[in-house]
C-alpha atoms as a PDB file:
ATOM      1  CA  MET A   1      14.291  46.738  -0.733  1.00  0.00           C
ATOM      2  CA  ILE A   2      12.707  45.241  -3.859  1.00  0.00           C
ATOM      3  CA  LYS A   3      15.065  43.616  -6.357  1.00  0.00           C
ATOM      4  CA  VAL A   4      14.150  42.388  -9.834  1.00  0.00           C
ATOM      5  CA  GLU A   5      16.811  40.305 -11.619  1.00  0.00           C
ATOM      6  CA  HIS A   6      16.614  39.191 -15.263  1.00  0.00           C
ATOM      7  CA  LEU A   7      12.863  38.877 -14.866  1.00  0.00           C
ATOM      8  CA  THR A   8      11.084  37.342 -17.852  1.00  0.00           C
ATOM      9  CA  LYS A   9       7.457  36.319 -18.167  1.00  0.00           C
ATOM     10  CA  ARG A  10       5.729  34.694 -21.138  1.00  0.00           C
ATOM     11  CA  TYR A  11       2.056  33.987 -21.591  1.00  0.00           C
ATOM     12  CA  GLY A  12       2.070  31.607 -24.537  1.00  0.00           C
ATOM     13  CA  ASP A  13       3.556  33.548 -27.445  1.00  0.00           C
ATOM     14  CA  THR A  14       3.260  36.872 -25.613  1.00  0.00           C
ATOM     15  CA  LEU A  15       6.401  38.202 -23.951  1.00  0.00           C
ATOM     16  CA  ALA A  16       5.010  40.371 -21.123  1.00  0.00           C
ATOM     17  CA  VAL A  17       8.285  41.015 -19.272  1.00  0.00           C
ATOM     18  CA  ASP A  18      11.643  40.820 -21.014  1.00  0.00           C
ATOM     19  CA  ASP A  19      14.846  40.366 -18.949  1.00  0.00           C
ATOM     20  CA  LEU A  20      13.941  43.156 -16.539  1.00  0.00           C
ATOM     21  CA  ASP A  21      16.462  44.425 -13.951  1.00  0.00           C
ATOM     22  CA  PHE A  22      15.982  47.137 -11.318  1.00  0.00           C
ATOM     23  CA  GLU A  23      16.056  47.879  -7.596  1.00  0.00           C
ATOM     24  CA  VAL A  24      13.629  49.861  -5.431  1.00  0.00           C
ATOM     25  CA  HIS A  25      15.236  51.328  -2.320  1.00  0.00           C
ATOM     26  CA  PRO A  26      13.790  52.370   1.050  1.00  0.00           C
ATOM     27  CA  GLY A  27      13.380  55.987   2.078  1.00  0.00           C
ATOM     28  CA  VAL A  28      12.159  57.252  -1.301  1.00  0.00           C
ATOM     29  CA  VAL A  29       8.964  57.119  -3.341  1.00  0.00           C
ATOM     30  CA  THR A  30       9.690  55.243  -6.575  1.00  0.00           C
ATOM     31  CA  GLY A  31       7.334  55.688  -9.515  1.00  0.00           C
ATOM     32  CA  PHE A  32       6.904  52.840 -12.006  1.00  0.00           C
ATOM     33  CA  LEU A  33       5.971  54.146 -15.455  1.00  0.00           C
ATOM     34  CA  GLY A  34       5.279  52.576 -18.821  1.00  0.00           C
ATOM     35  CA  PRO A  35       2.671  52.609 -21.602  1.00  0.00           C
ATOM     36  CA  ASN A  36      -0.342  50.293 -21.478  1.00  0.00           C
ATOM     37  CA  GLY A  37       0.823  46.727 -21.995  1.00  0.00           C
ATOM     38  CA  SER A  38       4.382  47.491 -20.912  1.00  0.00           C
ATOM     39  CA  GLY A  39       4.433  44.826 -18.174  1.00  0.00           C
ATOM     40  CA  LYS A  40       4.022  46.988 -15.045  1.00  0.00           C
ATOM     41  CA  SER A  41       1.137  45.036 -13.510  1.00  0.00           C
ATOM     42  CA  THR A  42       2.699  41.687 -14.430  1.00  0.00           C
ATOM     43  CA  THR A  43       5.946  42.718 -12.743  1.00  0.00           C
ATOM     44  CA  MET A  44       4.088  43.724  -9.584  1.00  0.00           C
ATOM     45  CA  ARG A  45       2.136  40.458  -9.560  1.00  0.00           C
ATOM     46  CA  ILE A  46       5.385  38.497  -9.789  1.00  0.00           C
ATOM     47  CA  ILE A  47       6.925  40.523  -6.940  1.00  0.00           C
ATOM     48  CA  LEU A  48       3.884  39.605  -4.809  1.00  0.00           C
ATOM     49  CA  GLY A  49       3.979  35.926  -5.749  1.00  0.00           C
ATOM     50  CA  LEU A  50       0.703  36.057  -7.691  1.00  0.00           C
ATOM     51  CA  ASP A  51       2.437  35.030 -10.918  1.00  0.00           C
ATOM     52  CA  HIS A  52       5.531  32.921 -11.468  1.00  0.00           C
ATOM     53  CA  PRO A  53       8.317  34.150 -13.733  1.00  0.00           C
ATOM     54  CA  THR A  54       9.404  32.219 -16.767  1.00  0.00           C
ATOM     55  CA  LYS A  55      12.990  33.183 -15.925  1.00  0.00           C
ATOM     56  CA  GLY A  56      14.743  35.367 -13.389  1.00  0.00           C
ATOM     57  CA  ARG A  57      13.451  36.368  -9.981  1.00  0.00           C
ATOM     58  CA  ALA A  58      11.924  39.128  -7.903  1.00  0.00           C
ATOM     59  CA  THR A  59      12.692  39.452  -4.191  1.00  0.00           C
ATOM     60  CA  VAL A  60      11.645  41.588  -1.253  1.00  0.00           C
ATOM     61  CA  LYS A  61      14.181  41.935   1.574  1.00  0.00           C
ATOM     62  CA  GLY A  62      16.274  39.282  -0.182  1.00  0.00           C
ATOM     63  CA  LYS A  63      13.516  36.656  -0.324  1.00  0.00           C
ATOM     64  CA  ARG A  64      10.832  35.617  -2.759  1.00  0.00           C
ATOM     65  CA  TYR A  65       7.407  36.641  -1.503  1.00  0.00           C
ATOM     66  CA  GLY A  66       6.426  33.001  -0.917  1.00  0.00           C
ATOM     67  CA  GLU A  67       9.400  32.566   1.407  1.00  0.00           C
ATOM     68  CA  LEU A  68       8.340  35.352   3.781  1.00  0.00           C
ATOM     69  CA  ARG A  69       7.222  34.037   7.165  1.00  0.00           C
ATOM     70  CA  ASP A  70       4.717  36.827   7.865  1.00  0.00           C
ATOM     71  CA  PRO A  71       4.061  38.421   4.457  1.00  0.00           C
ATOM     72  CA  LEU A  72       1.383  40.942   5.513  1.00  0.00           C
ATOM     73  CA  HIS A  73       3.721  42.250   8.224  1.00  0.00           C
ATOM     74  CA  GLU A  74       6.511  42.739   5.695  1.00  0.00           C
ATOM     75  CA  VAL A  75       4.772  43.701   2.434  1.00  0.00           C
ATOM     76  CA  GLY A  76       1.550  45.627   1.878  1.00  0.00           C
ATOM     77  CA  ALA A  77      -0.034  46.011  -1.548  1.00  0.00           C
ATOM     78  CA  LEU A  78      -2.942  47.501  -3.442  1.00  0.00           C
ATOM     79  CA  LEU A  79      -3.286  46.102  -6.964  1.00  0.00           C
ATOM     80  CA  ASP A  80      -7.042  46.052  -7.631  1.00  0.00           C
ATOM     81  CA  ALA A  81      -9.249  48.127  -5.348  1.00  0.00           C
ATOM     82  CA  LYS A  82     -12.403  46.312  -6.483  1.00  0.00           C
ATOM     83  CA  ALA A  83     -11.072  42.778  -5.872  1.00  0.00           C
ATOM     84  CA  ILE A  84     -13.038  42.407  -2.623  1.00  0.00           C
ATOM     85  CA  HIS A  85     -16.220  40.423  -1.974  1.00  0.00           C
ATOM     86  CA  PRO A  86     -19.004  42.978  -2.577  1.00  0.00           C
ATOM     87  CA  GLY A  87     -21.224  41.575   0.177  1.00  0.00           C
ATOM     88  CA  ARG A  88     -18.702  42.188   2.955  1.00  0.00           C
ATOM     89  CA  SER A  89     -18.435  45.371   4.943  1.00  0.00           C
ATOM     90  CA  ALA A  90     -15.119  47.209   5.030  1.00  0.00           C
ATOM     91  CA  ARG A  91     -14.684  46.348   8.714  1.00  0.00           C
ATOM     92  CA  HIS A  92     -15.379  42.628   8.182  1.00  0.00           C
ATOM     93  CA  HIS A  93     -13.006  42.513   5.224  1.00  0.00           C
ATOM     94  CA  LEU A  94     -10.163  43.974   7.280  1.00  0.00           C
ATOM     95  CA  ARG A  95     -10.994  41.811  10.291  1.00  0.00           C
ATOM     96  CA  ALA A  96     -10.771  38.688   8.118  1.00  0.00           C
ATOM     97  CA  LEU A  97      -7.326  39.773   6.962  1.00  0.00           C
ATOM     98  CA  ALA A  98      -6.332  40.575  10.544  1.00  0.00           C
ATOM     99  CA  THR A  99      -7.505  37.198  11.879  1.00  0.00           C
ATOM    100  CA  SER A 100      -5.550  35.250   9.261  1.00  0.00           C
ATOM    101  CA  ASN A 101      -2.388  37.196  10.072  1.00  0.00           C
ATOM    102  CA  GLN A 102      -2.598  37.368  13.892  1.00  0.00           C
ATOM    103  CA  ILE A 103      -3.247  41.128  13.875  1.00  0.00           C
ATOM    104  CA  PRO A 104      -5.397  42.618  16.669  1.00  0.00           C
ATOM    105  CA  PHE A 105      -8.753  44.175  15.744  1.00  0.00           C
ATOM    106  CA  SER A 106      -7.578  47.426  17.303  1.00  0.00           C
ATOM    107  CA  ARG A 107      -5.281  47.792  14.284  1.00  0.00           C
ATOM    108  CA  VAL A 108      -8.306  47.470  11.984  1.00  0.00           C
ATOM    109  CA  GLU A 109      -9.867  50.493  13.653  1.00  0.00           C
ATOM    110  CA  GLU A 110      -6.603  52.417  13.337  1.00  0.00           C
ATOM    111  CA  VAL A 111      -6.272  51.904   9.582  1.00  0.00           C
ATOM    112  CA  LEU A 112      -9.973  52.575   8.984  1.00  0.00           C
ATOM    113  CA  GLY A 113      -9.540  55.942  10.671  1.00  0.00           C
ATOM    114  CA  PHE A 114      -6.279  56.697   8.897  1.00  0.00           C
ATOM    115  CA  ALA A 115      -7.815  55.956   5.476  1.00  0.00           C
ATOM    116  CA  GLY A 116     -10.812  58.153   6.302  1.00  0.00           C
ATOM    117  CA  ILE A 117     -13.460  55.451   5.890  1.00  0.00           C
ATOM    118  CA  ASP A 118     -14.344  54.702   9.534  1.00  0.00           C
ATOM    119  CA  SER A 119     -17.750  56.358   9.056  1.00  0.00           C
ATOM    120  CA  VAL A 120     -18.677  53.831   6.309  1.00  0.00           C
ATOM    121  CA  ALA A 121     -16.886  50.830   7.789  1.00  0.00           C
ATOM    122  CA  ASP A 122     -20.093  48.835   8.215  1.00  0.00           C
ATOM    123  CA  LYS A 123     -21.420  49.456   4.708  1.00  0.00           C
ATOM    124  CA  LYS A 124     -21.128  46.804   2.000  1.00  0.00           C
ATOM    125  CA  VAL A 125     -18.039  47.188  -0.149  1.00  0.00           C
ATOM    126  CA  GLY A 126     -20.101  46.543  -3.291  1.00  0.00           C
ATOM    127  CA  ASN A 127     -21.722  49.953  -2.800  1.00  0.00           C
ATOM    128  CA  PHE A 128     -18.397  51.795  -2.476  1.00  0.00           C
ATOM    129  CA  SER A 129     -17.257  54.287  -5.095  1.00  0.00           C
ATOM    130  CA  LEU A 130     -13.877  53.639  -6.705  1.00  0.00           C
ATOM    131  CA  GLY A 131     -12.310  56.296  -4.498  1.00  0.00           C
ATOM    132  CA  MET A 132     -13.690  54.679  -1.315  1.00  0.00           C
ATOM    133  CA  SER A 133     -12.497  51.288  -2.544  1.00  0.00           C
ATOM    134  CA  GLN A 134      -9.012  52.735  -3.080  1.00  0.00           C
ATOM    135  CA  ARG A 135      -8.993  54.001   0.496  1.00  0.00           C
ATOM    136  CA  LEU A 136     -10.076  50.560   1.749  1.00  0.00           C
ATOM    137  CA  GLY A 137      -7.298  48.967  -0.293  1.00  0.00           C
ATOM    138  CA  ILE A 138      -4.787  51.345   1.264  1.00  0.00           C
ATOM    139  CA  ALA A 139      -6.105  50.456   4.727  1.00  0.00           C
ATOM    140  CA  GLY A 140      -5.579  46.782   3.908  1.00  0.00           C
ATOM    141  CA  ALA A 141      -2.041  47.421   2.692  1.00  0.00           C
ATOM    142  CA  LEU A 142      -1.215  49.165   5.983  1.00  0.00           C
ATOM    143  CA  LEU A 143      -2.841  46.543   8.208  1.00  0.00           C
ATOM    144  CA  GLY A 144       0.368  44.675   9.071  1.00  0.00           C
ATOM    145  CA  ASP A 145       2.453  47.883   9.388  1.00  0.00           C
ATOM    146  CA  PRO A 146       4.838  46.627   6.641  1.00  0.00           C
ATOM    147  CA  GLU A 147       8.210  48.042   5.615  1.00  0.00           C
ATOM    148  CA  ILE A 148       7.516  47.581   1.888  1.00  0.00           C
ATOM    149  CA  LEU A 149       4.428  48.874   0.074  1.00  0.00           C
ATOM    150  CA  LEU A 150       3.319  48.479  -3.545  1.00  0.00           C
ATOM    151  CA  PHE A 151       0.475  50.410  -5.153  1.00  0.00           C
ATOM    152  CA  ASP A 152      -0.895  49.973  -8.672  1.00  0.00           C
ATOM    153  CA  GLU A 153      -2.736  53.117  -9.906  1.00  0.00           C
ATOM    154  CA  PRO A 154      -3.652  54.188  -6.351  1.00  0.00           C
ATOM    155  CA  VAL A 155      -5.147  57.606  -7.211  1.00  0.00           C
ATOM    156  CA  ASN A 156      -7.777  56.245  -9.629  1.00  0.00           C
ATOM    157  CA  GLY A 157     -11.176  57.513  -8.550  1.00  0.00           C
ATOM    158  CA  LEU A 158      -9.860  59.899  -5.896  1.00  0.00           C
ATOM    159  CA  ASP A 159     -10.984  63.507  -5.796  1.00  0.00           C
ATOM    160  CA  PRO A 160      -8.391  66.332  -5.561  1.00  0.00           C
ATOM    161  CA  GLU A 161      -8.438  66.202  -1.761  1.00  0.00           C
ATOM    162  CA  GLY A 162      -7.876  62.442  -1.854  1.00  0.00           C
ATOM    163  CA  ILE A 163      -5.006  62.791  -4.332  1.00  0.00           C
ATOM    164  CA  ARG A 164      -3.330  65.339  -2.089  1.00  0.00           C
ATOM    165  CA  TRP A 165      -3.884  63.076   0.906  1.00  0.00           C
ATOM    166  CA  ILE A 166      -2.287  60.070  -0.797  1.00  0.00           C
ATOM    167  CA  ARG A 167       0.643  62.197  -1.992  1.00  0.00           C
ATOM    168  CA  GLU A 168       1.358  63.240   1.598  1.00  0.00           C
ATOM    169  CA  PHE A 169       0.792  59.631   2.698  1.00  0.00           C
ATOM    170  CA  PHE A 170       3.481  58.338   0.310  1.00  0.00           C
ATOM    171  CA  ARG A 171       5.882  61.003   1.529  1.00  0.00           C
ATOM    172  CA  SER A 172       5.299  60.150   5.187  1.00  0.00           C
ATOM    173  CA  LEU A 173       5.909  56.435   4.497  1.00  0.00           C
ATOM    174  CA  ALA A 174       9.178  57.177   2.701  1.00  0.00           C
ATOM    175  CA  ASN A 175      10.262  59.533   5.481  1.00  0.00           C
ATOM    176  CA  GLU A 176       9.803  56.643   7.918  1.00  0.00           C
ATOM    177  CA  GLY A 177      12.335  54.682   5.859  1.00  0.00           C
ATOM    178  CA  ARG A 178       9.861  52.400   4.136  1.00  0.00           C
ATOM    179  CA  THR A 179      10.074  51.209   0.537  1.00  0.00           C
ATOM    180  CA  VAL A 180       7.268  52.773  -1.527  1.00  0.00           C
ATOM    181  CA  PHE A 181       6.730  51.512  -5.096  1.00  0.00           C
ATOM    182  CA  VAL A 182       3.934  53.170  -7.092  1.00  0.00           C
ATOM    183  CA  SER A 183       2.739  52.311 -10.598  1.00  0.00           C
ATOM    184  CA  SER A 184       0.796  55.095 -12.299  1.00  0.00           C
ATOM    185  CA  HIS A 185      -0.059  56.525 -15.706  1.00  0.00           C
ATOM    186  CA  LEU A 186      -0.516  60.058 -14.316  1.00  0.00           C
ATOM    187  CA  MET A 187       2.687  61.869 -15.246  1.00  0.00           C
ATOM    188  CA  SER A 188       1.727  65.099 -13.509  1.00  0.00           C
ATOM    189  CA  GLU A 189       1.107  63.252 -10.257  1.00  0.00           C
ATOM    190  CA  MET A 190       4.333  61.261 -10.426  1.00  0.00           C
ATOM    191  CA  ALA A 191       6.254  64.473 -11.113  1.00  0.00           C
ATOM    192  CA  VAL A 192       5.268  65.819  -7.692  1.00  0.00           C
ATOM    193  CA  SER A 193       4.947  62.524  -5.753  1.00  0.00           C
ATOM    194  CA  ALA A 194       7.961  60.462  -6.743  1.00  0.00           C
ATOM    195  CA  ASP A 195      11.660  60.868  -5.934  1.00  0.00           C
ATOM    196  CA  GLN A 196      12.828  58.180  -8.344  1.00  0.00           C
ATOM    197  CA  ILE A 197      11.314  56.960 -11.611  1.00  0.00           C
ATOM    198  CA  ILE A 198      11.665  53.582 -13.335  1.00  0.00           C
ATOM    199  CA  VAL A 199      10.483  53.513 -16.953  1.00  0.00           C
ATOM    200  CA  ILE A 200       9.785  50.321 -18.899  1.00  0.00           C
ATOM    201  CA  GLY A 201       8.342  49.644 -22.344  1.00  0.00           C
ATOM    202  CA  ARG A 202       7.277  46.358 -23.946  1.00  0.00           C
ATOM    203  CA  GLY A 203       8.530  44.600 -20.823  1.00  0.00           C
ATOM    204  CA  LYS A 204      12.051  46.004 -21.156  1.00  0.00           C
ATOM    205  CA  PHE A 205      13.902  48.372 -18.840  1.00  0.00           C
ATOM    206  CA  ILE A 206      14.321  51.822 -20.419  1.00  0.00           C
ATOM    207  CA  THR A 207      15.748  54.087 -17.735  1.00  0.00           C
ATOM    208  CA  GLN A 208      15.829  54.929 -14.037  1.00  0.00           C
ATOM    209  CA  GLY A 209      16.648  58.131 -12.206  1.00  0.00           C
ATOM    210  CA  SER A 210      15.405  61.102 -10.237  1.00  0.00           C
ATOM    211  CA  ILE A 211      12.858  63.509 -11.733  1.00  0.00           C
ATOM    212  CA  ASP A 212      15.541  66.200 -11.936  1.00  0.00           C
ATOM    213  CA  SER A 213      18.098  63.976 -13.660  1.00  0.00           C
ATOM    214  CA  LEU A 214      15.588  62.698 -16.222  1.00  0.00           C
ATOM    215  CA  THR A 215      14.243  66.133 -17.133  1.00  0.00           C
ATOM    216  CA  ALA A 216      17.644  67.858 -17.030  1.00  0.00           C
ATOM    217  CA  THR A 217      19.072  65.671 -19.792  1.00  0.00           C
ATOM    218  CA  ALA A 218      16.020  66.009 -22.038  1.00  0.00           C
ATOM    219  CA  LYS A 219      15.671  68.644 -24.701  1.00  0.00           C
ATOM    220  CA  GLY A 220      13.429  71.465 -23.601  1.00  0.00           C
ATOM    221  CA  SER A 221      12.212  74.550 -25.388  1.00  0.00           C
ATOM    222  CA  VAL A 222      12.634  78.315 -25.131  1.00  0.00           C
ATOM    223  CA  PHE A 223       9.775  80.760 -24.634  1.00  0.00           C
ATOM    224  CA  VAL A 224      10.229  83.992 -26.584  1.00  0.00           C
ATOM    225  CA  ARG A 225       8.285  87.269 -26.652  1.00  0.00           C
ATOM    226  CA  ALA A 226       9.329  89.802 -29.254  1.00  0.00           C
ATOM    227  CA  ALA A 227       8.293  93.112 -30.792  1.00  0.00           C
ATOM    228  CA  ASP A 228       7.862  91.480 -34.217  1.00  0.00           C
ATOM    229  CA  HIS A 229       6.797  87.839 -33.921  1.00  0.00           C
ATOM    230  CA  PRO A 230       6.278  87.200 -37.671  1.00  0.00           C
ATOM    231  CA  LYS A 231       9.767  88.441 -38.561  1.00  0.00           C
ATOM    232  CA  LEU A 232      11.388  86.461 -35.748  1.00  0.00           C
ATOM    233  CA  LEU A 233       9.367  83.386 -36.726  1.00  0.00           C
ATOM    234  CA  ASP A 234      10.699  83.513 -40.303  1.00  0.00           C
ATOM    235  CA  THR A 235      14.256  84.039 -39.048  1.00  0.00           C
ATOM    236  CA  LEU A 236      14.190  81.140 -36.622  1.00  0.00           C
ATOM    237  CA  ARG A 237      12.604  78.705 -39.061  1.00  0.00           C
ATOM    238  CA  SER A 238      15.198  79.606 -41.698  1.00  0.00           C
ATOM    239  CA  HIS A 239      17.814  78.325 -39.207  1.00  0.00           C
ATOM    240  CA  GLY A 240      16.052  74.989 -38.685  1.00  0.00           C
ATOM    241  CA  ALA A 241      14.197  75.771 -35.459  1.00  0.00           C
ATOM    242  CA  VAL A 242      10.874  74.130 -34.624  1.00  0.00           C
ATOM    243  CA  VAL A 243       8.613  77.021 -33.636  1.00  0.00           C
ATOM    244  CA  SER A 244       5.056  77.028 -32.264  1.00  0.00           C
ATOM    245  CA  GLU A 245       3.011  80.197 -32.020  1.00  0.00           C
ATOM    246  CA  LEU A 246       1.309  80.634 -28.647  1.00  0.00           C
ATOM    247  CA  ASN A 247      -1.455  82.972 -29.833  1.00  0.00           C
ATOM    248  CA  ASP A 248      -0.375  86.506 -28.963  1.00  0.00           C
ATOM    249  CA  GLU A 249       1.649  85.379 -25.965  1.00  0.00           C
ATOM    250  CA  GLY A 250       4.865  84.492 -27.752  1.00  0.00           C
ATOM    251  CA  LEU A 251       6.755  81.660 -29.415  1.00  0.00           C
ATOM    252  CA  SER A 252       7.873  78.253 -28.191  1.00  0.00           C
ATOM    253  CA  VAL A 253      11.173  77.357 -29.868  1.00  0.00           C
ATOM    254  CA  SER A 254      12.885  73.966 -30.023  1.00  0.00           C
ATOM    255  CA  GLU A 255      16.227  72.883 -31.515  1.00  0.00           C
ATOM    256  CA  LEU A 256      17.940  76.204 -30.643  1.00  0.00           C
ATOM    257  CA  THR A 257      19.427  77.505 -27.399  1.00  0.00           C
ATOM    258  CA  SER A 258      18.406  80.813 -25.845  1.00  0.00           C
ATOM    259  CA  ASP A 259      21.863  82.214 -26.759  1.00  0.00           C
ATOM    260  CA  GLN A 260      21.395  81.264 -30.417  1.00  0.00           C
ATOM    261  CA  ILE A 261      17.904  82.772 -30.491  1.00  0.00           C
ATOM    262  CA  GLY A 262      19.175  85.994 -28.929  1.00  0.00           C
ATOM    263  CA  ARG A 263      21.925  86.377 -31.536  1.00  0.00           C
ATOM    264  CA  MET A 264      19.543  85.684 -34.416  1.00  0.00           C
ATOM    265  CA  ALA A 265      17.034  88.221 -33.119  1.00  0.00           C
ATOM    266  CA  PHE A 266      19.794  90.822 -32.770  1.00  0.00           C
ATOM    267  CA  ASP A 267      21.061  90.186 -36.325  1.00  0.00           C
ATOM    268  CA  ALA A 268      17.489  90.456 -37.657  1.00  0.00           C
ATOM    269  CA  GLY A 269      16.891  93.694 -35.762  1.00  0.00           C
ATOM    270  CA  VAL A 270      14.072  92.225 -33.649  1.00  0.00           C
ATOM    271  CA  VAL A 271      13.668  93.495 -30.091  1.00  0.00           C
ATOM    272  CA  LEU A 272      13.133  90.744 -27.514  1.00  0.00           C
ATOM    273  CA  TYR A 273      10.971  91.239 -24.433  1.00  0.00           C
ATOM    274  CA  GLU A 274      11.459  87.774 -22.941  1.00  0.00           C
ATOM    275  CA  LEU A 275      13.778  84.806 -23.556  1.00  0.00           C
ATOM    276  CA  THR A 276      13.178  81.967 -21.068  1.00  0.00           C
ATOM    277  CA  PRO A 277      14.491  78.365 -21.310  1.00  0.00           C
ATOM    278  CA  GLN A 278      11.792  75.801 -20.443  1.00  0.00           C
ATOM    279  CA  ARG A 279      12.855  72.468 -18.960  1.00  0.00           C
ATOM    280  CA  ALA A 280      11.102  69.454 -20.454  1.00  0.00           C
ATOM    281  CA  SER A 281       8.286  68.084 -18.309  1.00  0.00           C
ATOM    282  CA  LEU A 282       8.239  64.498 -17.043  1.00  0.00           C
ATOM    283  CA  GLU A 283       5.389  63.802 -19.480  1.00  0.00           C
ATOM    284  CA  GLU A 284       7.494  65.032 -22.420  1.00  0.00           C
ATOM    285  CA  VAL A 285      10.453  62.928 -21.265  1.00  0.00           C
ATOM    286  CA  PHE A 286       8.207  59.887 -20.860  1.00  0.00           C
ATOM    287  CA  MET A 287       6.662  60.301 -24.322  1.00  0.00           C
ATOM    288  CA  HIS A 288      10.123  60.591 -25.871  1.00  0.00           C
ATOM    289  CA  LEU A 289      11.528  57.574 -24.003  1.00  0.00           C
ATOM    290  CA  THR A 290       8.571  55.312 -24.794  1.00  0.00           C
ATOM    291  CA  ALA A 291       7.852  56.476 -28.347  1.00  0.00           C
ATOM    292  CA  ASP A 292       8.925  53.099 -29.752  1.00  0.00           C
ATOM    293  CA  ALA A 293       7.317  51.072 -26.970  1.00  0.00           C
ATOM    294  CA  VAL A 294       3.666  52.059 -27.283  1.00  0.00           C
ATOM    295  CA  GLU A 295       1.507  49.055 -28.118  1.00  0.00           C
ATOM    296  CA  TYR A 296      -1.512  51.043 -29.280  1.00  0.00           C
ATOM    297  CA  GLY A 297      -1.043  54.497 -30.775  1.00  0.00           C
ATOM    298  CA  SER A 298      -3.108  57.043 -32.637  1.00  0.00           C
ATOM    299  CA  SER A 299      -2.555  57.572 -36.332  1.00  0.00           C
ATOM    300  CA  GLY A 300      -3.501  61.195 -35.898  1.00  0.00           C
ATOM    301  CA  VAL A 301      -6.435  60.835 -38.325  1.00  0.00           C
ATOM    302  CA  ARG A 302      -9.829  61.870 -37.023  1.00  0.00           C
ATOM    303  CA  HIS A 303     -12.842  60.038 -38.420  1.00  0.00           C
ATOM    304  CA  GLU A 304     -16.297  61.586 -38.375  1.00  0.00           C
ATOM    305  CA  GLN A 305     -18.980  59.466 -36.735  1.00  0.00           C
END
């Protein structure tokens, strides 16, 4: 288990992490979400002992990372896929890690094969694509067969096959009872990969829960197809609904329930062909939760070049 307690980190006048509290449990894939500059990477670095907190603490299996006797056997991590000496081969990189942690070279061959890079194991890492580097980083994280794994943006640079592979990889790790903690900005991927979500903004905890619980409590919309879209549009807007026209397909209605829309259509004499509630997506929930925590946002004004 990973536990973060009242974690605070300052860099000069910048407050990167602000009194953060959460737990990451084994047996599930936990997604770690937040806008750019929200403190995700800093939090992960503190968990791994690469940065020291200003206040509070982060522990793995009840201990600070620096207190672990055999850290690579207990915690595996991928934070920066390109943070490897470019002149080394993938095999030599993993063998160096194995030697320093009393891991047999046979394990190096196992993780190379599992990550799908055994055929390029003797090539220099500096010539690897980002996707190949990600796979090497994953191999390194698995080298000590740890119970706890942390990944920061692990699908960057992967093709669709690689993304599917890593999704199934996360699931298999969680099914083995391991703790899997994944930071990502890809909402669509987290929606299908993660069981639990932790959301932070400006270094502060915002919410935590399952995908279903987060989307179930959010306001969704209702998809409507009718015989007379213009008449229904006027009726709904006169009752305060937010309505978007979806070309000739129908209407997307917010701020009203499907029951309310049905009654209004009946009173207006408009025949309905379809009336379907739409649950909010994880991306919509995330945008709503972090609306006040985005460091850099668009003004919505487009400037010609």
